[in-house]
PDB file of N, CA and C in Angstrom:
ATOM      1  N   MET A   1     120.968 126.684 122.278  1.00  0.00           N
ATOM      2  CA  MET A   1     120.040 126.171 121.289  1.00  0.00           C
ATOM      3  C   MET A   1     118.745 125.791 122.003  1.00  0.00           C
ATOM      4  N   TYR A   2     117.614 126.191 121.433  1.00  0.00           N
ATOM      5  CA  TYR A   2     116.294 125.853 121.950  1.00  0.00           C
ATOM      6  C   TYR A   2     115.714 124.714 121.116  1.00  0.00           C
ATOM      7  N   TYR A   3     114.939 123.853 121.748  1.00  0.00           N
ATOM      8  CA  TYR A   3     114.359 122.696 121.069  1.00  0.00           C
ATOM      9  C   TYR A   3     112.890 122.551 121.409  1.00  0.00           C
ATOM     10  N   ILE A   4     112.133 122.038 120.468  1.00  0.00           N
ATOM     11  CA  ILE A   4     110.779 121.563 120.748  1.00  0.00           C
ATOM     12  C   ILE A   4     110.607 120.196 120.093  1.00  0.00           C
ATOM     13  N   GLU A   5     109.669 119.465 120.608  1.00  0.00           N
ATOM     14  CA  GLU A   5     109.290 118.159 120.059  1.00  0.00           C
ATOM     15  C   GLU A   5     107.772 118.126 120.033  1.00  0.00           C
ATOM     16  N   LYS A   6     107.203 117.773 118.886  1.00  0.00           N
ATOM     17  CA  LYS A   6     105.742 117.707 118.735  1.00  0.00           C
ATOM     18  C   LYS A   6     105.377 116.323 118.228  1.00  0.00           C
ATOM     19  N   LYS A   7     104.526 115.639 118.972  1.00  0.00           N
ATOM     20  CA  LYS A   7     104.060 114.311 118.580  1.00  0.00           C
ATOM     21  C   LYS A   7     102.653 114.436 118.020  1.00  0.00           C
ATOM     22  N   LEU A   8     102.436 113.849 116.851  1.00  0.00           N
ATOM     23  CA  LEU A   8     101.150 113.908 116.166  1.00  0.00           C
ATOM     24  C   LEU A   8     100.642 112.501 115.897  1.00  0.00           C
ATOM     25  N   GLU A   9      99.374 112.276 116.112  1.00  0.00           N
ATOM     26  CA  GLU A   9      98.741 111.007 115.758  1.00  0.00           C
ATOM     27  C   GLU A   9      97.887 111.253 114.531  1.00  0.00           C
ATOM     28  N   ILE A  10      98.120 110.452 113.512  1.00  0.00           N
ATOM     29  CA  ILE A  10      97.475 110.652 112.217  1.00  0.00           C
ATOM     30  C   ILE A  10      96.910 109.327 111.731  1.00  0.00           C
ATOM     31  N   SER A  11      95.689 109.362 111.264  1.00  0.00           N
ATOM     32  CA  SER A  11      95.089 108.188 110.618  1.00  0.00           C
ATOM     33  C   SER A  11      95.122 108.443 109.118  1.00  0.00           C
ATOM     34  N   ALA A  12      95.741 107.523 108.380  1.00  0.00           N
ATOM     35  CA  ALA A  12      95.847 107.699 106.933  1.00  0.00           C
ATOM     36  C   ALA A  12      96.115 106.358 106.276  1.00  0.00           C
ATOM     37  N   SER A  13      95.749 106.293 105.009  1.00  0.00           N
ATOM     38  CA  SER A  13      96.005 105.090 104.220  1.00  0.00           C
ATOM     39  C   SER A  13      97.116 105.363 103.218  1.00  0.00           C
ATOM     40  N   HIS A  14      97.674 104.279 102.696  1.00  0.00           N
ATOM     41  CA  HIS A  14      98.652 104.374 101.613  1.00  0.00           C
ATOM     42  C   HIS A  14      98.825 102.996 100.996  1.00  0.00           C
ATOM     43  N   ARG A  15      99.478 102.983  99.893  1.00  0.00           N
ATOM     44  CA  ARG A  15      99.943 101.730  99.300  1.00  0.00           C
ATOM     45  C   ARG A  15     101.340 102.005  98.800  1.00  0.00           C
ATOM     46  N   LEU A  16     102.206 101.014  98.947  1.00  0.00           N
ATOM     47  CA  LEU A  16     103.592 101.198  98.541  1.00  0.00           C
ATOM     48  C   LEU A  16     103.822 100.673  97.134  1.00  0.00           C
ATOM     49  N   VAL A  17     104.660 101.351  96.420  1.00  0.00           N
ATOM     50  CA  VAL A  17     105.096 100.911  95.099  1.00  0.00           C
ATOM     51  C   VAL A  17     106.484 100.319  95.291  1.00  0.00           C
ATOM     52  N   VAL A  18     106.575  98.987  95.229  1.00  0.00           N
ATOM     53  CA  VAL A  18     107.841  98.289  95.455  1.00  0.00           C
ATOM     54  C   VAL A  18     108.108  97.316  94.314  1.00  0.00           C
ATOM     55  N   ASP A  19     109.364  96.931  94.160  1.00  0.00           N
ATOM     56  CA  ASP A  19     109.746  96.051  93.053  1.00  0.00           C
ATOM     57  C   ASP A  19     109.779  94.577  93.463  1.00  0.00           C
ATOM     58  N   TYR A  20     109.002  94.217  94.467  1.00  0.00           N
ATOM     59  CA  TYR A  20     108.854  92.835  94.912  1.00  0.00           C
ATOM     60  C   TYR A  20     107.415  92.631  95.366  1.00  0.00           C
ATOM     61  N   GLU A  21     107.007  91.368  95.486  1.00  0.00           N
ATOM     62  CA  GLU A  21     105.643  91.076  95.899  1.00  0.00           C
ATOM     63  C   GLU A  21     105.474  91.411  97.380  1.00  0.00           C
ATOM     64  N   SER A  22     104.474  92.222  97.684  1.00  0.00           N
ATOM     65  CA  SER A  22     104.262  92.644  99.064  1.00  0.00           C
ATOM     66  C   SER A  22     102.789  92.958  99.290  1.00  0.00           C
ATOM     67  N   LYS A  23     102.272  92.539 100.447  1.00  0.00           N
ATOM     68  CA  LYS A  23     100.898  92.892 100.782  1.00  0.00           C
ATOM     69  C   LYS A  23     100.752  94.399 100.965  1.00  0.00           C
ATOM     70  N   CYS A  24     101.853  95.104 101.182  1.00  0.00           N
ATOM     71  CA  CYS A  24     101.806  96.565 101.346  1.00  0.00           C
ATOM     72  C   CYS A  24     101.580  97.292 100.027  1.00  0.00           C
ATOM     73  N   SER A  25     101.575  96.543  98.927  1.00  0.00           N
ATOM     74  CA  SER A  25     101.237  97.139  97.626  1.00  0.00           C
ATOM     75  C   SER A  25      99.737  97.383  97.500  1.00  0.00           C
ATOM     76  N   GLN A  26      98.970  96.793  98.401  1.00  0.00           N
ATOM     77  CA  GLN A  26      97.526  97.002  98.440  1.00  0.00           C
ATOM     78  C   GLN A  26      97.228  98.185  99.365  1.00  0.00           C
ATOM     79  N   LEU A  27      96.164  98.896  99.073  1.00  0.00           N
ATOM     80  CA  LEU A  27      95.767 100.014  99.914  1.00  0.00           C
ATOM     81  C   LEU A  27      95.467  99.507 101.326  1.00  0.00           C
ATOM     82  N   HIS A  28      96.064 100.148 102.313  1.00  0.00           N
ATOM     83  CA  HIS A  28      95.854  99.792 103.716  1.00  0.00           C
ATOM     84  C   HIS A  28      96.088 101.034 104.575  1.00  0.00           C
ATOM     85  N   GLY A  29      95.698 100.980 105.813  1.00  0.00           N
ATOM     86  CA  GLY A  29      95.809 102.152 106.680  1.00  0.00           C
ATOM     87  C   GLY A  29      96.616 101.900 107.925  1.00  0.00           C
ATOM     88  N   HIS A  30      97.043 103.005 108.533  1.00  0.00           N
ATOM     89  CA  HIS A  30      97.786 102.977 109.790  1.00  0.00           C
ATOM     90  C   HIS A  30      97.288 104.110 110.675  1.00  0.00           C
ATOM     91  N   ASN A  31      97.492 103.936 111.951  1.00  0.00           N
ATOM     92  CA  ASN A  31      97.393 105.042 112.898  1.00  0.00           C
ATOM     93  C   ASN A  31      98.833 105.445 113.181  1.00  0.00           C
ATOM     94  N   TRP A  32      99.313 106.386 112.379  1.00  0.00           N
ATOM     95  CA  TRP A  32     100.697 106.818 112.407  1.00  0.00           C
ATOM     96  C   TRP A  32     100.967 107.669 113.647  1.00  0.00           C
ATOM     97  N   VAL A  33     102.188 107.590 114.148  1.00  0.00           N
ATOM     98  CA  VAL A  33     102.662 108.518 115.177  1.00  0.00           C
ATOM     99  C   VAL A  33     103.892 109.200 114.584  1.00  0.00           C
ATOM    100  N   ILE A  34     103.768 110.492 114.361  1.00  0.00           N
ATOM    101  CA  ILE A  34     104.848 111.272 113.754  1.00  0.00           C
ATOM    102  C   ILE A  34     105.376 112.232 114.808  1.00  0.00           C
ATOM    103  N   THR A  35     106.677 112.206 115.016  1.00  0.00           N
ATOM    104  CA  THR A  35     107.301 113.113 115.972  1.00  0.00           C
ATOM    105  C   THR A  35     108.202 114.072 115.215  1.00  0.00           C
ATOM    106  N   ILE A  36     107.978 115.352 115.455  1.00  0.00           N
ATOM    107  CA  ILE A  36     108.695 116.432 114.785  1.00  0.00           C
ATOM    108  C   ILE A  36     109.647 117.070 115.793  1.00  0.00           C
ATOM    109  N   TYR A  37     110.894 117.267 115.383  1.00  0.00           N
ATOM    110  CA  TYR A  37     111.909 117.885 116.230  1.00  0.00           C
ATOM    111  C   TYR A  37     112.372 119.181 115.569  1.00  0.00           C
ATOM    112  N   CYS A  38     112.270 120.289 116.305  1.00  0.00           N
ATOM    113  CA  CYS A  38     112.684 121.592 115.771  1.00  0.00           C
ATOM    114  C   CYS A  38     113.668 122.242 116.732  1.00  0.00           C
ATOM    115  N   ARG A  39     114.477 123.151 116.184  1.00  0.00           N
ATOM    116  CA  ARG A  39     115.439 123.865 117.023  1.00  0.00           C
ATOM    117  C   ARG A  39     115.687 125.253 116.451  1.00  0.00           C
ATOM    118  N   ALA A  40     116.180 126.133 117.319  1.00  0.00           N
ATOM    119  CA  ALA A  40     116.535 127.486 116.899  1.00  0.00           C
ATOM    120  C   ALA A  40     117.572 128.044 117.862  1.00  0.00           C
ATOM    121  N   ARG A  41     118.496 128.798 117.324  1.00  0.00           N
ATOM    122  CA  ARG A  41     119.502 129.468 118.168  1.00  0.00           C
ATOM    123  C   ARG A  41     118.853 130.596 118.968  1.00  0.00           C
ATOM    124  N   GLU A  42     117.863 131.247 118.366  1.00  0.00           N
ATOM    125  CA  GLU A  42     117.146 132.327 119.035  1.00  0.00           C
ATOM    126  C   GLU A  42     115.652 132.090 118.887  1.00  0.00           C
ATOM    127  N   LEU A  43     114.909 132.512 119.874  1.00  0.00           N
ATOM    128  CA  LEU A  43     113.460 132.385 119.814  1.00  0.00           C
ATOM    129  C   LEU A  43     112.877 133.468 118.919  1.00  0.00           C
ATOM    130  N   ASN A  44     111.722 133.190 118.331  1.00  0.00           N
ATOM    131  CA  ASN A  44     111.070 134.186 117.473  1.00  0.00           C
ATOM    132  C   ASN A  44     110.471 135.305 118.327  1.00  0.00           C
ATOM    133  N   GLN A  45     109.816 136.249 117.683  1.00  0.00           N
ATOM    134  CA  GLN A  45     109.266 137.405 118.372  1.00  0.00           C
ATOM    135  C   GLN A  45     108.223 137.043 119.423  1.00  0.00           C
ATOM    136  N   ASN A  46     107.695 135.823 119.360  1.00  0.00           N
ATOM    137  CA  ASN A  46     106.709 135.353 120.333  1.00  0.00           C
ATOM    138  C   ASN A  46     107.323 134.490 121.432  1.00  0.00           C
ATOM    139  N   GLY A  47     108.653 134.372 121.420  1.00  0.00           N
ATOM    140  CA  GLY A  47     109.331 133.569 122.431  1.00  0.00           C
ATOM    141  C   GLY A  47     109.269 132.077 122.181  1.00  0.00           C
ATOM    142  N   MET A  48     109.158 131.686 120.895  1.00  0.00           N
ATOM    143  CA  MET A  48     109.024 130.271 120.531  1.00  0.00           C
ATOM    144  C   MET A  48     110.059 129.877 119.484  1.00  0.00           C
ATOM    145  N   VAL A  49     110.365 128.585 119.443  1.00  0.00           N
ATOM    146  CA  VAL A  49     111.115 128.029 118.311  1.00  0.00           C
ATOM    147  C   VAL A  49     110.199 128.070 117.097  1.00  0.00           C
ATOM    148  N   VAL A  50     109.037 127.491 117.235  1.00  0.00           N
ATOM    149  CA  VAL A  50     107.951 127.525 116.255  1.00  0.00           C
ATOM    150  C   VAL A  50     106.682 127.175 117.026  1.00  0.00           C
ATOM    151  N   ASP A  51     105.570 127.739 116.650  1.00  0.00           N
ATOM    152  CA  ASP A  51     104.312 127.483 117.335  1.00  0.00           C
ATOM    153  C   ASP A  51     103.884 126.027 117.102  1.00  0.00           C
ATOM    154  N   PHE A  52     103.541 125.319 118.165  1.00  0.00           N
ATOM    155  CA  PHE A  52     103.086 123.929 118.050  1.00  0.00           C
ATOM    156  C   PHE A  52     101.894 123.815 117.101  1.00  0.00           C
ATOM    157  N   THR A  53     101.018 124.816 117.122  1.00  0.00           N
ATOM    158  CA  THR A  53      99.843 124.803 116.249  1.00  0.00           C
ATOM    159  C   THR A  53     100.247 124.853 114.778  1.00  0.00           C
ATOM    160  N   GLU A  54     101.305 125.589 114.461  1.00  0.00           N
ATOM    161  CA  GLU A  54     101.798 125.669 113.085  1.00  0.00           C
ATOM    162  C   GLU A  54     102.341 124.320 112.628  1.00  0.00           C
ATOM    163  N   VAL A  55     103.058 123.631 113.506  1.00  0.00           N
ATOM    164  CA  VAL A  55     103.560 122.292 113.184  1.00  0.00           C
ATOM    165  C   VAL A  55     102.387 121.364 112.898  1.00  0.00           C
ATOM    166  N   LYS A  56     101.383 121.396 113.749  1.00  0.00           N
ATOM    167  CA  LYS A  56     100.197 120.547 113.566  1.00  0.00           C
ATOM    168  C   LYS A  56      99.501 120.848 112.246  1.00  0.00           C
ATOM    169  N   ARG A  57      99.358 122.120 111.918  1.00  0.00           N
ATOM    170  CA  ARG A  57      98.679 122.511 110.674  1.00  0.00           C
ATOM    171  C   ARG A  57      99.438 122.021 109.445  1.00  0.00           C
ATOM    172  N   LYS A  58     100.759 122.160 109.455  1.00  0.00           N
ATOM    173  CA  LYS A  58     101.557 121.825 108.275  1.00  0.00           C
ATOM    174  C   LYS A  58     101.735 120.323 108.066  1.00  0.00           C
ATOM    175  N   ILE A  59     101.597 119.541 109.125  1.00  0.00           N
ATOM    176  CA  ILE A  59     101.784 118.086 108.998  1.00  0.00           C
ATOM    177  C   ILE A  59     100.436 117.372 109.105  1.00  0.00           C
ATOM    178  N   LYS A  60      99.822 117.423 110.261  1.00  0.00           N
ATOM    179  CA  LYS A  60      98.545 116.727 110.454  1.00  0.00           C
ATOM    180  C   LYS A  60      97.464 117.297 109.548  1.00  0.00           C
ATOM    181  N   GLY A  61      97.476 118.609 109.372  1.00  0.00           N
ATOM    182  CA  GLY A  61      96.476 119.247 108.525  1.00  0.00           C
ATOM    183  C   GLY A  61      96.506 118.771 107.086  1.00  0.00           C
ATOM    184  N   VAL A  62      97.648 118.320 106.632  1.00  0.00           N
ATOM    185  CA  VAL A  62      97.787 117.820 105.254  1.00  0.00           C
ATOM    186  C   VAL A  62      97.554 116.310 105.181  1.00  0.00           C
ATOM    187  N   LEU A  63      98.029 115.564 106.183  1.00  0.00           N
ATOM    188  CA  LEU A  63      98.056 114.103 106.079  1.00  0.00           C
ATOM    189  C   LEU A  63      96.877 113.371 106.719  1.00  0.00           C
ATOM    190  N   ASP A  64      96.269 113.942 107.755  1.00  0.00           N
ATOM    191  CA  ASP A  64      95.272 113.202 108.536  1.00  0.00           C
ATOM    192  C   ASP A  64      94.034 112.866 107.710  1.00  0.00           C
ATOM    193  N   HIS A  65      93.610 111.616 107.807  1.00  0.00           N
ATOM    194  CA  HIS A  65      92.432 111.078 107.125  1.00  0.00           C
ATOM    195  C   HIS A  65      92.522 111.232 105.603  1.00  0.00           C
ATOM    196  N   GLN A  66      93.704 110.981 105.085  1.00  0.00           N
ATOM    197  CA  GLN A  66      93.946 111.065 103.649  1.00  0.00           C
ATOM    198  C   GLN A  66      94.513 109.742 103.134  1.00  0.00           C
ATOM    199  N   ASN A  67      94.395 109.556 101.832  1.00  0.00           N
ATOM    200  CA  ASN A  67      95.175 108.530 101.143  1.00  0.00           C
ATOM    201  C   ASN A  67      96.487 109.221 100.789  1.00  0.00           C
ATOM    202  N   LEU A  68      97.565 108.819 101.412  1.00  0.00           N
ATOM    203  CA  LEU A  68      98.843 109.516 101.240  1.00  0.00           C
ATOM    204  C   LEU A  68      99.343 109.476  99.797  1.00  0.00           C
ATOM    205  N   ASN A  69      98.953 108.476  99.037  1.00  0.00           N
ATOM    206  CA  ASN A  69      99.326 108.427  97.618  1.00  0.00           C
ATOM    207  C   ASN A  69      98.699 109.583  96.846  1.00  0.00           C
ATOM    208  N   ASP A  70      97.581 110.099  97.336  1.00  0.00           N
ATOM    209  CA  ASP A  70      96.893 111.202  96.660  1.00  0.00           C
ATOM    210  C   ASP A  70      97.432 112.575  97.048  1.00  0.00           C
ATOM    211  N   VAL A  71      98.032 112.702  98.234  1.00  0.00           N
ATOM    212  CA  VAL A  71      98.450 114.029  98.703  1.00  0.00           C
ATOM    213  C   VAL A  71      99.967 114.238  98.718  1.00  0.00           C
ATOM    214  N   LEU A  72     100.726 113.183  98.539  1.00  0.00           N
ATOM    215  CA  LEU A  72     102.185 113.306  98.525  1.00  0.00           C
ATOM    216  C   LEU A  72     102.722 112.938  97.143  1.00  0.00           C
ATOM    217  N   PRO A  73     103.716 113.666  96.641  1.00  0.00           N
ATOM    218  CA  PRO A  73     104.217 113.448  95.280  1.00  0.00           C
ATOM    219  C   PRO A  73     105.332 112.404  95.190  1.00  0.00           C
ATOM    220  N   PHE A  74     105.304 111.403  96.074  1.00  0.00           N
ATOM    221  CA  PHE A  74     106.353 110.376  96.092  1.00  0.00           C
ATOM    222  C   PHE A  74     105.775 109.093  96.673  1.00  0.00           C
ATOM    223  N   ASN A  75     106.525 108.014  96.578  1.00  0.00           N
ATOM    224  CA  ASN A  75     106.140 106.741  97.174  1.00  0.00           C
ATOM    225  C   ASN A  75     106.089 106.939  98.700  1.00  0.00           C
ATOM    226  N   PRO A  76     104.912 106.816  99.324  1.00  0.00           N
ATOM    227  CA  PRO A  76     104.770 107.193 100.726  1.00  0.00           C
ATOM    228  C   PRO A  76     105.268 106.141 101.721  1.00  0.00           C
ATOM    229  N   THR A  77     106.553 105.856 101.650  1.00  0.00           N
ATOM    230  CA  THR A  77     107.176 105.020 102.679  1.00  0.00           C
ATOM    231  C   THR A  77     107.349 105.858 103.940  1.00  0.00           C
ATOM    232  N   ALA A  78     107.516 105.214 105.065  1.00  0.00           N
ATOM    233  CA  ALA A  78     107.734 105.952 106.315  1.00  0.00           C
ATOM    234  C   ALA A  78     108.980 106.827 106.210  1.00  0.00           C
ATOM    235  N   GLU A  79     110.019 106.327 105.536  1.00  0.00           N
ATOM    236  CA  GLU A  79     111.252 107.096 105.376  1.00  0.00           C
ATOM    237  C   GLU A  79     111.017 108.370 104.567  1.00  0.00           C
ATOM    238  N   ASN A  80     110.298 108.236 103.465  1.00  0.00           N
ATOM    239  CA  ASN A  80     110.010 109.415 102.631  1.00  0.00           C
ATOM    240  C   ASN A  80     109.094 110.404 103.340  1.00  0.00           C
ATOM    241  N   ILE A  81     108.164 109.908 104.124  1.00  0.00           N
ATOM    242  CA  ILE A  81     107.272 110.796 104.874  1.00  0.00           C
ATOM    243  C   ILE A  81     108.074 111.574 105.912  1.00  0.00           C
ATOM    244  N   ALA A  82     109.014 110.924 106.577  1.00  0.00           N
ATOM    245  CA  ALA A  82     109.861 111.612 107.560  1.00  0.00           C
ATOM    246  C   ALA A  82     110.635 112.750 106.901  1.00  0.00           C
ATOM    247  N   ARG A  83     111.212 112.513 105.741  1.00  0.00           N
ATOM    248  CA  ARG A  83     111.945 113.566 105.023  1.00  0.00           C
ATOM    249  C   ARG A  83     111.001 114.708 104.653  1.00  0.00           C
ATOM    250  N   TRP A  84     109.830 114.378 104.140  1.00  0.00           N
ATOM    251  CA  TRP A  84     108.844 115.398 103.765  1.00  0.00           C
ATOM    252  C   TRP A  84     108.484 116.276 104.965  1.00  0.00           C
ATOM    253  N   CYS A  85     108.290 115.662 106.129  1.00  0.00           N
ATOM    254  CA  CYS A  85     107.956 116.429 107.328  1.00  0.00           C
ATOM    255  C   CYS A  85     109.036 117.452 107.642  1.00  0.00           C
ATOM    256  N   VAL A  86     110.282 117.045 107.579  1.00  0.00           N
ATOM    257  CA  VAL A  86     111.389 117.963 107.855  1.00  0.00           C
ATOM    258  C   VAL A  86     111.375 119.128 106.868  1.00  0.00           C
ATOM    259  N   GLU A  87     111.042 118.851 105.625  1.00  0.00           N
ATOM    260  CA  GLU A  87     111.044 119.894 104.593  1.00  0.00           C
ATOM    261  C   GLU A  87     109.903 120.902 104.754  1.00  0.00           C
ATOM    262  N   GLN A  88     108.879 120.575 105.533  1.00  0.00           N
ATOM    263  CA  GLN A  88     107.708 121.459 105.657  1.00  0.00           C
ATOM    264  C   GLN A  88     107.904 122.600 106.641  1.00  0.00           C
ATOM    265  N   ILE A  89     108.856 122.442 107.555  1.00  0.00           N
ATOM    266  CA  ILE A  89     109.024 123.422 108.635  1.00  0.00           C
ATOM    267  C   ILE A  89     110.493 123.836 108.684  1.00  0.00           C
ATOM    268  N   PRO A  90     110.797 125.100 108.430  1.00  0.00           N
ATOM    269  CA  PRO A  90     112.197 125.536 108.371  1.00  0.00           C
ATOM    270  C   PRO A  90     113.015 125.197 109.627  1.00  0.00           C
ATOM    271  N   GLN A  91     112.404 125.236 110.796  1.00  0.00           N
ATOM    272  CA  GLN A  91     113.136 124.970 112.038  1.00  0.00           C
ATOM    273  C   GLN A  91     113.299 123.473 112.319  1.00  0.00           C
ATOM    274  N   CYS A  92     112.653 122.647 111.534  1.00  0.00           N
ATOM    275  CA  CYS A  92     112.669 121.200 111.756  1.00  0.00           C
ATOM    276  C   CYS A  92     113.963 120.604 111.222  1.00  0.00           C
ATOM    277  N   TYR A  93     114.611 119.786 112.041  1.00  0.00           N
ATOM    278  CA  TYR A  93     115.850 119.116 111.632  1.00  0.00           C
ATOM    279  C   TYR A  93     115.732 117.599 111.659  1.00  0.00           C
ATOM    280  N   LYS A  94     114.650 117.080 112.248  1.00  0.00           N
ATOM    281  CA  LYS A  94     114.510 115.631 112.391  1.00  0.00           C
ATOM    282  C   LYS A  94     113.039 115.281 112.523  1.00  0.00           C
ATOM    283  N   ALA A  95     112.663 114.111 111.988  1.00  0.00           N
ATOM    284  CA  ALA A  95     111.306 113.586 112.169  1.00  0.00           C
ATOM    285  C   ALA A  95     111.381 112.068 112.238  1.00  0.00           C
ATOM    286  N   THR A  96     110.521 111.488 113.063  1.00  0.00           N
ATOM    287  CA  THR A  96     110.360 110.037 113.078  1.00  0.00           C
ATOM    288  C   THR A  96     108.917 109.723 112.736  1.00  0.00           C
ATOM    289  N   VAL A  97     108.733 108.612 112.034  1.00  0.00           N
ATOM    290  CA  VAL A  97     107.403 108.190 111.595  1.00  0.00           C
ATOM    291  C   VAL A  97     107.218 106.737 112.009  1.00  0.00           C
ATOM    292  N   GLN A  98     106.245 106.514 112.889  1.00  0.00           N
ATOM    293  CA  GLN A  98     105.904 105.157 113.323  1.00  0.00           C
ATOM    294  C   GLN A  98     104.618 104.770 112.626  1.00  0.00           C
ATOM    295  N   GLU A  99     104.694 103.735 111.779  1.00  0.00           N
ATOM    296  CA  GLU A  99     103.487 103.319 111.083  1.00  0.00           C
ATOM    297  C   GLU A  99     102.765 102.203 111.829  1.00  0.00           C
ATOM    298  N   SER A 100     103.472 101.489 112.671  1.00  0.00           N
ATOM    299  CA  SER A 100     102.868 100.482 113.536  1.00  0.00           C
ATOM    300  C   SER A 100     103.856 100.200 114.665  1.00  0.00           C
ATOM    301  N   GLU A 101     103.370  99.518 115.681  1.00  0.00           N
ATOM    302  CA  GLU A 101     104.211  99.224 116.836  1.00  0.00           C
ATOM    303  C   GLU A 101     105.505  98.527 116.392  1.00  0.00           C
ATOM    304  N   GLY A 102     106.611  99.113 116.728  1.00  0.00           N
ATOM    305  CA  GLY A 102     107.907  98.516 116.405  1.00  0.00           C
ATOM    306  C   GLY A 102     108.453  98.864 115.034  1.00  0.00           C
ATOM    307  N   ASN A 103     107.707  99.588 114.224  1.00  0.00           N
ATOM    308  CA  ASN A 103     108.164  99.960 112.870  1.00  0.00           C
ATOM    309  C   ASN A 103     108.265 101.478 112.783  1.00  0.00           C
ATOM    310  N   ILE A 104     109.480 101.970 112.956  1.00  0.00           N
ATOM    311  CA  ILE A 104     109.734 103.410 112.995  1.00  0.00           C
ATOM    312  C   ILE A 104     110.855 103.747 112.026  1.00  0.00           C
ATOM    313  N   ALA A 105     110.638 104.804 111.245  1.00  0.00           N
ATOM    314  CA  ALA A 105     111.662 105.309 110.332  1.00  0.00           C
ATOM    315  C   ALA A 105     111.915 106.771 110.686  1.00  0.00           C
ATOM    316  N   GLY A 106     113.085 107.252 110.328  1.00  0.00           N
ATOM    317  CA  GLY A 106     113.400 108.641 110.638  1.00  0.00           C
ATOM    318  C   GLY A 106     114.231 109.286 109.556  1.00  0.00           C
ATOM    319  N   TYR A 107     114.248 110.599 109.621  1.00  0.00           N
ATOM    320  CA  TYR A 107     115.094 111.405 108.739  1.00  0.00           C
ATOM    321  C   TYR A 107     115.645 112.546 109.570  1.00  0.00           C
ATOM    322  N   GLU A 108     116.940 112.823 109.398  1.00  0.00           N
ATOM    323  CA  GLU A 108     117.587 113.923 110.096  1.00  0.00           C
ATOM    324  C   GLU A 108     118.513 114.626 109.133  1.00  0.00           C
ATOM    325  N   GLU A 109     118.432 115.961 109.117  1.00  0.00           N
ATOM    326  CA  GLU A 109     119.329 116.727 108.269  1.00  0.00           C
ATOM    327  C   GLU A 109     120.750 116.621 108.814  1.00  0.00           C
ATOM    328  N   ASP A 110     121.709 116.708 107.917  1.00  0.00           N
ATOM    329  CA  ASP A 110     123.124 116.677 108.332  1.00  0.00           C
ATOM    330  C   ASP A 110     123.483 117.928 109.103  1.00  0.00           C
TER     331      ASP A 110
END
């Protein structure tokens, strides 16, 4: 099995929709660190699991310098963003999303 890991730094804002009082219900921003994990049993015709540039385009290209509530069709929690990242790249099986120091969420396919 071949593996790659791509770390992306993204600046974006969001507000959370929660059923309790929270300052995160107000629009605010983060300098997110998103790590994408991909794997493949065989390399593609170019000798890669997936091109790092393609990962960057599909994740950072959509999210960077955006209001995530405007570009994502769900409540943009770190957990939901991690799942969305995995769904964007067929070879991706896991993603972690750090919204601030010490606050990291992840999603991994079974």
